[in-house]
Amino acid sequence: MSDDSRPSPSGARTAAVIPAAGRGVRLGPGAPKALRTLNGTPMLIHAVRAMAASRAVSLVVVVAPPDGAAEVKTLLDAHALPERTDFLVVPGGDSRQESVRIGLDALPPGIDIVLVHDAARPLVPVDTVDAVIEAVRDGAPAVVPALPLADTVKQVEPAGTPGEPEPVVATPERARLRAVQTPQGFDRDTLVRAHETVTENVTDDASMVEQLGLRVVVVPGHEEAFKVTRPLDLVLAEAVLARRRLNDGF
């Protein structure tokens, strides 16, 4: 464990919260999604290492399944992690939103910037993590990495019967749309206030800050920060890891 008291080079200290309490039903039966392995290593460990790869991140908080905190702690202890970074495991809640709030509550004083990262995005490059942190340091209360959409998007009227054709009602201008990734970065006080204020369930933390009427900005995401939700995504993730091993010479 490293000394949790040292400041980061900018004077603003950063922590990452990784909610990993979900079951991941779209990947099928078996272990929780975050514990599925890529190249023999659980996705969660890849995600933790991705956050700890940033020299600005001094603490990573993993929010585990409510009955699995001891298992996740054992998992972290069993894998090589950067010594300069501290790690904490806390039991999560029934929803992602509640789990993030629990992770926030576990942060010590002195943390100014908070990253919230999906355990199911195990391969996000460190340059993306650093870009998000830098944008928060520059004054944005909330920052999300995002990519332009490759596909045309249609807004539809949901079918009354599942599987029936759905009528198209609009075609949004693709140039103005982005596919959002993580880690999302926040001024700590702003994110805490959002979780205290916004009560309805939301899909990401940045939308909670939007509901406070505050500015959310986008920085460039990365194609390797995709979310592993389907069996095909596991195949793609393995391919990315194989390419990295080839490029790194091991």
C-alpha atoms as a PDB file:
ATOM      1  CA  MET A   1       0.000   0.000   0.000  1.00  0.00           C
ATOM      2  CA  SER A   2       1.210   3.477  -0.798  1.00  0.00           C
ATOM      3  CA  ASP A   3       1.148   6.605   1.341  1.00  0.00           C
ATOM      4  CA  ASP A   4      -2.377   7.975   0.850  1.00  0.00           C
ATOM      5  CA  SER A   5      -1.376  11.438   2.103  1.00  0.00           C
ATOM      6  CA  ARG A   6       0.790  12.608  -0.758  1.00  0.00           C
ATOM      7  CA  PRO A   7      -0.628  15.154  -3.224  1.00  0.00           C
ATOM      8  CA  SER A   8      -0.688  14.634  -6.958  1.00  0.00           C
ATOM      9  CA  PRO A   9       1.584  16.837  -9.077  1.00  0.00           C
ATOM     10  CA  SER A  10      -1.196  19.393  -9.656  1.00  0.00           C
ATOM     11  CA  GLY A  11      -2.173  19.622  -5.969  1.00  0.00           C
ATOM     12  CA  ALA A  12      -5.606  18.151  -6.770  1.00  0.00           C
ATOM     13  CA  ARG A  13      -5.920  14.534  -5.667  1.00  0.00           C
ATOM     14  CA  THR A  14      -7.925  12.069  -7.716  1.00  0.00           C
ATOM     15  CA  ALA A  15      -9.762   8.889  -6.762  1.00  0.00           C
ATOM     16  CA  ALA A  16     -11.553   6.406  -9.013  1.00  0.00           C
ATOM     17  CA  VAL A  17     -14.776   4.631  -8.041  1.00  0.00           C
ATOM     18  CA  ILE A  18     -15.531   1.390  -9.892  1.00  0.00           C
ATOM     19  CA  PRO A  19     -19.075   0.070  -9.338  1.00  0.00           C
ATOM     20  CA  ALA A  20     -18.765  -3.690  -9.844  1.00  0.00           C
ATOM     21  CA  ALA A  21     -21.836  -5.056  -8.070  1.00  0.00           C
ATOM     22  CA  GLY A  22     -23.840  -6.015 -11.186  1.00  0.00           C
ATOM     23  CA  ARG A  23     -24.530  -9.525 -12.423  1.00  0.00           C
ATOM     24  CA  GLY A  24     -24.057  -8.927 -16.156  1.00  0.00           C
ATOM     25  CA  VAL A  25     -27.009 -10.971 -17.390  1.00  0.00           C
ATOM     26  CA  ARG A  26     -26.353 -10.194 -21.080  1.00  0.00           C
ATOM     27  CA  LEU A  27     -23.153 -12.234 -20.934  1.00  0.00           C
ATOM     28  CA  GLY A  28     -25.174 -15.255 -19.832  1.00  0.00           C
ATOM     29  CA  PRO A  29     -25.094 -17.366 -16.682  1.00  0.00           C
ATOM     30  CA  GLY A  30     -22.002 -17.774 -14.548  1.00  0.00           C
ATOM     31  CA  ALA A  31     -19.797 -15.403 -12.627  1.00  0.00           C
ATOM     32  CA  PRO A  32     -20.679 -11.704 -12.268  1.00  0.00           C
ATOM     33  CA  LYS A  33     -19.611  -9.796 -15.367  1.00  0.00           C
ATOM     34  CA  ALA A  34     -16.754  -7.984 -13.621  1.00  0.00           C
ATOM     35  CA  LEU A  35     -15.242 -11.319 -12.592  1.00  0.00           C
ATOM     36  CA  ARG A  36     -15.246 -12.848 -16.096  1.00  0.00           C
ATOM     37  CA  THR A  37     -11.694 -13.343 -17.281  1.00  0.00           C
ATOM     38  CA  LEU A  38      -9.817 -11.780 -20.176  1.00  0.00           C
ATOM     39  CA  ASN A  39      -6.530 -13.498 -20.961  1.00  0.00           C
ATOM     40  CA  GLY A  40      -6.920 -15.351 -17.661  1.00  0.00           C
ATOM     41  CA  THR A  41      -7.347 -12.174 -15.567  1.00  0.00           C
ATOM     42  CA  PRO A  42     -10.739 -10.939 -14.275  1.00  0.00           C
ATOM     43  CA  MET A  43     -12.127  -7.925 -16.139  1.00  0.00           C
ATOM     44  CA  LEU A  44     -12.305  -6.075 -12.838  1.00  0.00           C
ATOM     45  CA  ILE A  45      -8.541  -6.364 -12.364  1.00  0.00           C
ATOM     46  CA  HIS A  46      -7.976  -4.992 -15.876  1.00  0.00           C
ATOM     47  CA  ALA A  47     -10.294  -2.066 -15.052  1.00  0.00           C
ATOM     48  CA  VAL A  48      -8.557  -1.375 -11.729  1.00  0.00           C
ATOM     49  CA  ARG A  49      -5.160  -1.425 -13.429  1.00  0.00           C
ATOM     50  CA  ALA A  50      -6.466   0.935 -16.121  1.00  0.00           C
ATOM     51  CA  MET A  51      -7.385   3.512 -13.460  1.00  0.00           C
ATOM     52  CA  ALA A  52      -4.198   2.986 -11.452  1.00  0.00           C
ATOM     53  CA  ALA A  53      -2.125   3.414 -14.623  1.00  0.00           C
ATOM     54  CA  SER A  54      -2.713   7.166 -14.312  1.00  0.00           C
ATOM     55  CA  ARG A  55      -0.128   8.709 -12.016  1.00  0.00           C
ATOM     56  CA  ALA A  56      -2.788  11.213 -10.935  1.00  0.00           C
ATOM     57  CA  VAL A  57      -4.981   8.486  -9.373  1.00  0.00           C
ATOM     58  CA  SER A  58      -3.973   7.913  -5.748  1.00  0.00           C
ATOM     59  CA  LEU A  59      -6.933   5.739  -4.687  1.00  0.00           C
ATOM     60  CA  VAL A  60      -9.208   3.198  -6.396  1.00  0.00           C
ATOM     61  CA  VAL A  61     -12.448   2.244  -4.628  1.00  0.00           C
ATOM     62  CA  VAL A  62     -14.071  -0.961  -5.878  1.00  0.00           C
ATOM     63  CA  VAL A  63     -17.762  -1.299  -5.009  1.00  0.00           C
ATOM     64  CA  ALA A  64     -18.319  -5.048  -4.805  1.00  0.00           C
ATOM     65  CA  PRO A  65     -21.492  -7.161  -4.830  1.00  0.00           C
ATOM     66  CA  PRO A  66     -23.146  -6.826  -1.393  1.00  0.00           C
ATOM     67  CA  ASP A  67     -22.211 -10.400  -0.471  1.00  0.00           C
ATOM     68  CA  GLY A  68     -18.905 -10.478  -2.360  1.00  0.00           C
ATOM     69  CA  ALA A  69     -16.677  -7.803  -0.816  1.00  0.00           C
ATOM     70  CA  ALA A  70     -14.352 -10.338   0.831  1.00  0.00           C
ATOM     71  CA  GLU A  71     -14.010 -12.254  -2.455  1.00  0.00           C
ATOM     72  CA  VAL A  72     -13.171  -9.082  -4.389  1.00  0.00           C
ATOM     73  CA  LYS A  73     -10.652  -7.998  -1.717  1.00  0.00           C
ATOM     74  CA  THR A  74      -8.958 -11.396  -2.003  1.00  0.00           C
ATOM     75  CA  LEU A  75      -8.962 -10.990  -5.794  1.00  0.00           C
ATOM     76  CA  LEU A  76      -7.214  -7.610  -5.615  1.00  0.00           C
ATOM     77  CA  ASP A  77      -4.671  -8.940  -3.124  1.00  0.00           C
ATOM     78  CA  ALA A  78      -3.871 -11.832  -5.475  1.00  0.00           C
ATOM     79  CA  HIS A  79      -2.935  -9.661  -8.462  1.00  0.00           C
ATOM     80  CA  ALA A  80      -0.035  -7.300  -9.018  1.00  0.00           C
ATOM     81  CA  LEU A  81      -1.215  -3.694  -8.706  1.00  0.00           C
ATOM     82  CA  PRO A  82       0.804  -0.451  -8.694  1.00  0.00           C
ATOM     83  CA  GLU A  83       2.312   0.204  -5.256  1.00  0.00           C
ATOM     84  CA  ARG A  84       1.855   3.968  -5.593  1.00  0.00           C
ATOM     85  CA  THR A  85      -1.940   3.543  -5.586  1.00  0.00           C
ATOM     86  CA  ASP A  86      -4.177   2.653  -2.637  1.00  0.00           C
ATOM     87  CA  PHE A  87      -7.120   0.276  -3.037  1.00  0.00           C
ATOM     88  CA  LEU A  88     -10.327  -0.042  -1.050  1.00  0.00           C
ATOM     89  CA  VAL A  89     -13.214  -2.523  -1.415  1.00  0.00           C
ATOM     90  CA  VAL A  90     -16.695  -1.729  -0.081  1.00  0.00           C
ATOM     91  CA  PRO A  91     -19.982  -3.678  -0.422  1.00  0.00           C
ATOM     92  CA  GLY A  92     -22.378  -2.090  -2.930  1.00  0.00           C
ATOM     93  CA  GLY A  93     -26.099  -1.488  -3.196  1.00  0.00           C
ATOM     94  CA  ASP A  94     -29.030  -2.713  -5.237  1.00  0.00           C
ATOM     95  CA  SER A  95     -28.495  -0.264  -8.125  1.00  0.00           C
ATOM     96  CA  ARG A  96     -25.502   1.237  -9.894  1.00  0.00           C
ATOM     97  CA  GLN A  97     -26.515   4.681  -8.625  1.00  0.00           C
ATOM     98  CA  GLU A  98     -26.580   3.480  -5.018  1.00  0.00           C
ATOM     99  CA  SER A  99     -23.248   1.713  -5.452  1.00  0.00           C
ATOM    100  CA  VAL A 100     -21.583   4.876  -6.767  1.00  0.00           C
ATOM    101  CA  ARG A 101     -22.976   6.835  -3.812  1.00  0.00           C
ATOM    102  CA  ILE A 102     -21.557   4.220  -1.417  1.00  0.00           C
ATOM    103  CA  GLY A 103     -18.193   4.535  -3.161  1.00  0.00           C
ATOM    104  CA  LEU A 104     -18.338   8.321  -2.800  1.00  0.00           C
ATOM    105  CA  ASP A 105     -19.115   8.003   0.894  1.00  0.00           C
ATOM    106  CA  ALA A 106     -16.002   5.863   1.320  1.00  0.00           C
ATOM    107  CA  LEU A 107     -13.618   8.517  -0.052  1.00  0.00           C
ATOM    108  CA  PRO A 108     -11.270  10.131   2.486  1.00  0.00           C
ATOM    109  CA  PRO A 109     -10.897  13.899   2.890  1.00  0.00           C
ATOM    110  CA  GLY A 110      -8.541  15.613   0.474  1.00  0.00           C
ATOM    111  CA  ILE A 111      -9.864  13.999  -2.711  1.00  0.00           C
ATOM    112  CA  ASP A 112     -10.835  16.778  -5.133  1.00  0.00           C
ATOM    113  CA  ILE A 113     -11.532  14.881  -8.366  1.00  0.00           C
ATOM    114  CA  VAL A 114     -13.555  11.679  -8.684  1.00  0.00           C
ATOM    115  CA  LEU A 115     -13.582   9.307 -11.631  1.00  0.00           C
ATOM    116  CA  VAL A 116     -16.470   6.862 -12.033  1.00  0.00           C
ATOM    117  CA  HIS A 117     -15.524   3.946 -14.247  1.00  0.00           C
ATOM    118  CA  ASP A 118     -17.414   0.912 -15.521  1.00  0.00           C
ATOM    119  CA  ALA A 119     -15.788  -2.379 -14.535  1.00  0.00           C
ATOM    120  CA  ALA A 120     -17.057  -3.622 -17.918  1.00  0.00           C
ATOM    121  CA  ARG A 121     -14.693  -1.211 -19.740  1.00  0.00           C
ATOM    122  CA  PRO A 122     -11.453  -3.008 -18.862  1.00  0.00           C
ATOM    123  CA  LEU A 123      -9.230  -1.721 -21.671  1.00  0.00           C
ATOM    124  CA  VAL A 124      -9.527   2.080 -21.535  1.00  0.00           C
ATOM    125  CA  PRO A 125      -6.085   3.575 -22.333  1.00  0.00           C
ATOM    126  CA  VAL A 126      -4.344   5.724 -19.736  1.00  0.00           C
ATOM    127  CA  ASP A 127      -4.265   8.706 -22.127  1.00  0.00           C
ATOM    128  CA  THR A 128      -8.072   8.808 -22.019  1.00  0.00           C
ATOM    129  CA  VAL A 129      -8.064   8.650 -18.209  1.00  0.00           C
ATOM    130  CA  ASP A 130      -5.556  11.500 -18.037  1.00  0.00           C
ATOM    131  CA  ALA A 131      -7.521  13.611 -20.532  1.00  0.00           C
ATOM    132  CA  VAL A 132     -10.642  13.368 -18.375  1.00  0.00           C
ATOM    133  CA  ILE A 133      -8.727  14.330 -15.218  1.00  0.00           C
ATOM    134  CA  GLU A 134      -7.056  17.264 -16.967  1.00  0.00           C
ATOM    135  CA  ALA A 135     -10.390  18.659 -18.155  1.00  0.00           C
ATOM    136  CA  VAL A 136     -11.758  18.581 -14.587  1.00  0.00           C
ATOM    137  CA  ARG A 137      -8.579  20.285 -13.351  1.00  0.00           C
ATOM    138  CA  ASP A 138      -9.164  22.964 -15.974  1.00  0.00           C
ATOM    139  CA  GLY A 139     -12.510  23.817 -14.396  1.00  0.00           C
ATOM    140  CA  ALA A 140     -15.202  21.560 -15.877  1.00  0.00           C
ATOM    141  CA  PRO A 141     -17.523  20.217 -13.159  1.00  0.00           C
ATOM    142  CA  ALA A 142     -18.203  17.051 -15.192  1.00  0.00           C
ATOM    143  CA  VAL A 143     -16.321  15.441 -18.075  1.00  0.00           C
ATOM    144  CA  VAL A 144     -17.172  12.425 -20.237  1.00  0.00           C
ATOM    145  CA  PRO A 145     -15.050  10.704 -22.879  1.00  0.00           C
ATOM    146  CA  ALA A 146     -17.071  10.010 -26.004  1.00  0.00           C
ATOM    147  CA  LEU A 147     -16.814   8.945 -29.639  1.00  0.00           C
ATOM    148  CA  PRO A 148     -18.689  10.063 -32.764  1.00  0.00           C
ATOM    149  CA  LEU A 149     -21.264   7.547 -33.956  1.00  0.00           C
ATOM    150  CA  ALA A 150     -20.354   5.356 -36.904  1.00  0.00           C
ATOM    151  CA  ASP A 151     -23.959   4.380 -37.611  1.00  0.00           C
ATOM    152  CA  THR A 152     -26.961   6.466 -38.546  1.00  0.00           C
ATOM    153  CA  VAL A 153     -29.391   6.568 -35.613  1.00  0.00           C
ATOM    154  CA  LYS A 154     -33.179   6.351 -35.877  1.00  0.00           C
ATOM    155  CA  GLN A 155     -35.676   7.394 -33.234  1.00  0.00           C
ATOM    156  CA  VAL A 156     -38.595   4.957 -33.277  1.00  0.00           C
ATOM    157  CA  GLU A 157     -41.983   4.454 -31.731  1.00  0.00           C
ATOM    158  CA  PRO A 158     -41.671   1.220 -29.714  1.00  0.00           C
ATOM    159  CA  ALA A 159     -43.703  -1.653 -31.098  1.00  0.00           C
ATOM    160  CA  GLY A 160     -46.764  -2.725 -29.154  1.00  0.00           C
ATOM    161  CA  THR A 161     -45.677  -6.350 -29.529  1.00  0.00           C
ATOM    162  CA  PRO A 162     -42.009  -7.302 -29.137  1.00  0.00           C
ATOM    163  CA  GLY A 163     -40.488  -8.259 -32.465  1.00  0.00           C
ATOM    164  CA  GLU A 164     -42.984  -6.319 -34.565  1.00  0.00           C
ATOM    165  CA  PRO A 165     -41.704  -3.625 -36.984  1.00  0.00           C
ATOM    166  CA  GLU A 166     -41.240  -0.219 -35.314  1.00  0.00           C
ATOM    167  CA  PRO A 167     -42.182   3.026 -37.104  1.00  0.00           C
ATOM    168  CA  VAL A 168     -39.390   5.609 -37.447  1.00  0.00           C
ATOM    169  CA  VAL A 169     -40.328   9.019 -36.067  1.00  0.00           C
ATOM    170  CA  ALA A 170     -37.051  10.944 -36.546  1.00  0.00           C
ATOM    171  CA  THR A 171     -33.448  10.716 -37.749  1.00  0.00           C
ATOM    172  CA  PRO A 172     -31.233  12.746 -35.369  1.00  0.00           C
ATOM    173  CA  GLU A 173     -28.304  14.619 -36.902  1.00  0.00           C
ATOM    174  CA  ARG A 174     -25.452  12.177 -36.356  1.00  0.00           C
ATOM    175  CA  ALA A 175     -22.759  14.886 -36.266  1.00  0.00           C
ATOM    176  CA  ARG A 176     -24.267  16.226 -33.036  1.00  0.00           C
ATOM    177  CA  LEU A 177     -24.417  12.830 -31.279  1.00  0.00           C
ATOM    178  CA  ARG A 178     -21.742  11.051 -29.243  1.00  0.00           C
ATOM    179  CA  ALA A 179     -21.454   7.588 -27.736  1.00  0.00           C
ATOM    180  CA  VAL A 180     -20.403   8.107 -24.125  1.00  0.00           C
ATOM    181  CA  GLN A 181     -17.754   6.019 -22.365  1.00  0.00           C
ATOM    182  CA  THR A 182     -16.040   6.013 -18.976  1.00  0.00           C
ATOM    183  CA  PRO A 183     -14.232   7.029 -16.840  1.00  0.00           C
ATOM    184  CA  GLN A 184     -16.427  10.042 -16.283  1.00  0.00           C
ATOM    185  CA  GLY A 185     -14.705  12.712 -14.210  1.00  0.00           C
ATOM    186  CA  PHE A 186     -16.158  15.119 -11.681  1.00  0.00           C
ATOM    187  CA  ASP A 187     -15.400  17.800  -9.208  1.00  0.00           C
ATOM    188  CA  ARG A 188     -16.020  15.843  -6.010  1.00  0.00           C
ATOM    189  CA  ASP A 189     -18.416  18.333  -4.389  1.00  0.00           C
ATOM    190  CA  THR A 190     -20.459  18.524  -7.587  1.00  0.00           C
ATOM    191  CA  LEU A 191     -20.876  14.752  -7.832  1.00  0.00           C
ATOM    192  CA  VAL A 192     -21.783  14.454  -4.144  1.00  0.00           C
ATOM    193  CA  ARG A 193     -24.435  17.164  -4.583  1.00  0.00           C
ATOM    194  CA  ALA A 194     -25.810  15.398  -7.656  1.00  0.00           C
ATOM    195  CA  HIS A 195     -26.212  12.145  -5.735  1.00  0.00           C
ATOM    196  CA  GLU A 196     -27.895  13.992  -2.882  1.00  0.00           C
ATOM    197  CA  THR A 197     -30.273  15.850  -5.221  1.00  0.00           C
ATOM    198  CA  VAL A 198     -31.223  13.544  -8.105  1.00  0.00           C
ATOM    199  CA  THR A 199     -33.476  10.734  -6.926  1.00  0.00           C
ATOM    200  CA  GLU A 200     -34.698   9.027 -10.118  1.00  0.00           C
ATOM    201  CA  ASN A 201     -32.617   6.223 -11.567  1.00  0.00           C
ATOM    202  CA  VAL A 202     -30.290   7.388 -14.366  1.00  0.00           C
ATOM    203  CA  THR A 203     -27.974   5.660 -16.812  1.00  0.00           C
ATOM    204  CA  ASP A 204     -24.819   7.613 -15.968  1.00  0.00           C
ATOM    205  CA  ASP A 205     -23.485  10.073 -13.418  1.00  0.00           C
ATOM    206  CA  ALA A 206     -22.970  12.896 -15.906  1.00  0.00           C
ATOM    207  CA  SER A 207     -26.715  13.052 -16.557  1.00  0.00           C
ATOM    208  CA  MET A 208     -27.208  13.649 -12.829  1.00  0.00           C
ATOM    209  CA  VAL A 209     -24.940  16.679 -13.050  1.00  0.00           C
ATOM    210  CA  GLU A 210     -26.857  17.827 -16.130  1.00  0.00           C
ATOM    211  CA  GLN A 211     -30.028  17.793 -14.022  1.00  0.00           C
ATOM    212  CA  LEU A 212     -28.352  20.228 -11.624  1.00  0.00           C
ATOM    213  CA  GLY A 213     -28.089  22.626 -14.588  1.00  0.00           C
ATOM    214  CA  LEU A 214     -24.290  22.439 -14.633  1.00  0.00           C
ATOM    215  CA  ARG A 215     -22.024  22.149 -17.655  1.00  0.00           C
ATOM    216  CA  VAL A 216     -20.899  18.716 -18.812  1.00  0.00           C
ATOM    217  CA  VAL A 217     -18.141  18.620 -21.432  1.00  0.00           C
ATOM    218  CA  VAL A 218     -16.922  15.878 -23.755  1.00  0.00           C
ATOM    219  CA  VAL A 219     -13.319  14.903 -24.442  1.00  0.00           C
ATOM    220  CA  PRO A 220     -12.252  12.395 -27.108  1.00  0.00           C
ATOM    221  CA  GLY A 221     -12.832   8.787 -26.099  1.00  0.00           C
ATOM    222  CA  HIS A 222     -11.052   5.737 -27.462  1.00  0.00           C
ATOM    223  CA  GLU A 223     -12.225   2.750 -29.488  1.00  0.00           C
ATOM    224  CA  GLU A 224     -10.596   0.375 -26.977  1.00  0.00           C
ATOM    225  CA  ALA A 225     -12.718   1.746 -24.130  1.00  0.00           C
ATOM    226  CA  PHE A 226     -15.740  -0.224 -25.367  1.00  0.00           C
ATOM    227  CA  LYS A 227     -18.108  -1.871 -22.910  1.00  0.00           C
ATOM    228  CA  VAL A 228     -17.984  -5.656 -22.608  1.00  0.00           C
ATOM    229  CA  THR A 229     -21.629  -6.697 -22.417  1.00  0.00           C
ATOM    230  CA  ARG A 230     -22.053  -9.491 -24.988  1.00  0.00           C
ATOM    231  CA  PRO A 231     -20.087 -12.667 -25.744  1.00  0.00           C
ATOM    232  CA  LEU A 232     -18.784 -11.040 -28.943  1.00  0.00           C
ATOM    233  CA  ASP A 233     -17.284  -8.215 -26.856  1.00  0.00           C
ATOM    234  CA  LEU A 234     -15.208 -10.769 -24.957  1.00  0.00           C
ATOM    235  CA  VAL A 235     -13.769 -11.939 -28.283  1.00  0.00           C
ATOM    236  CA  LEU A 236     -12.931  -8.339 -29.260  1.00  0.00           C
ATOM    237  CA  ALA A 237     -11.352  -7.653 -25.870  1.00  0.00           C
ATOM    238  CA  GLU A 238      -9.149 -10.736 -26.147  1.00  0.00           C
ATOM    239  CA  ALA A 239      -8.071  -9.561 -29.599  1.00  0.00           C
ATOM    240  CA  VAL A 240      -7.126  -6.122 -28.221  1.00  0.00           C
ATOM    241  CA  LEU A 241      -5.079  -7.725 -25.449  1.00  0.00           C
ATOM    242  CA  ALA A 242      -3.345 -10.002 -27.952  1.00  0.00           C
ATOM    243  CA  ARG A 243      -2.414  -6.981 -30.095  1.00  0.00           C
ATOM    244  CA  ARG A 244      -1.111  -5.134 -27.047  1.00  0.00           C
ATOM    245  CA  ARG A 245       1.058  -8.105 -26.061  1.00  0.00           C
ATOM    246  CA  LEU A 246       2.435  -8.239 -29.596  1.00  0.00           C
ATOM    247  CA  ASN A 247       3.165  -4.507 -29.628  1.00  0.00           C
ATOM    248  CA  ASP A 248       4.719  -4.599 -26.136  1.00  0.00           C
ATOM    249  CA  GLY A 249       6.899  -7.554 -27.027  1.00  0.00           C
ATOM    250  CA  PHE A 250       5.601 -10.016 -24.438  1.00  0.00           C
END
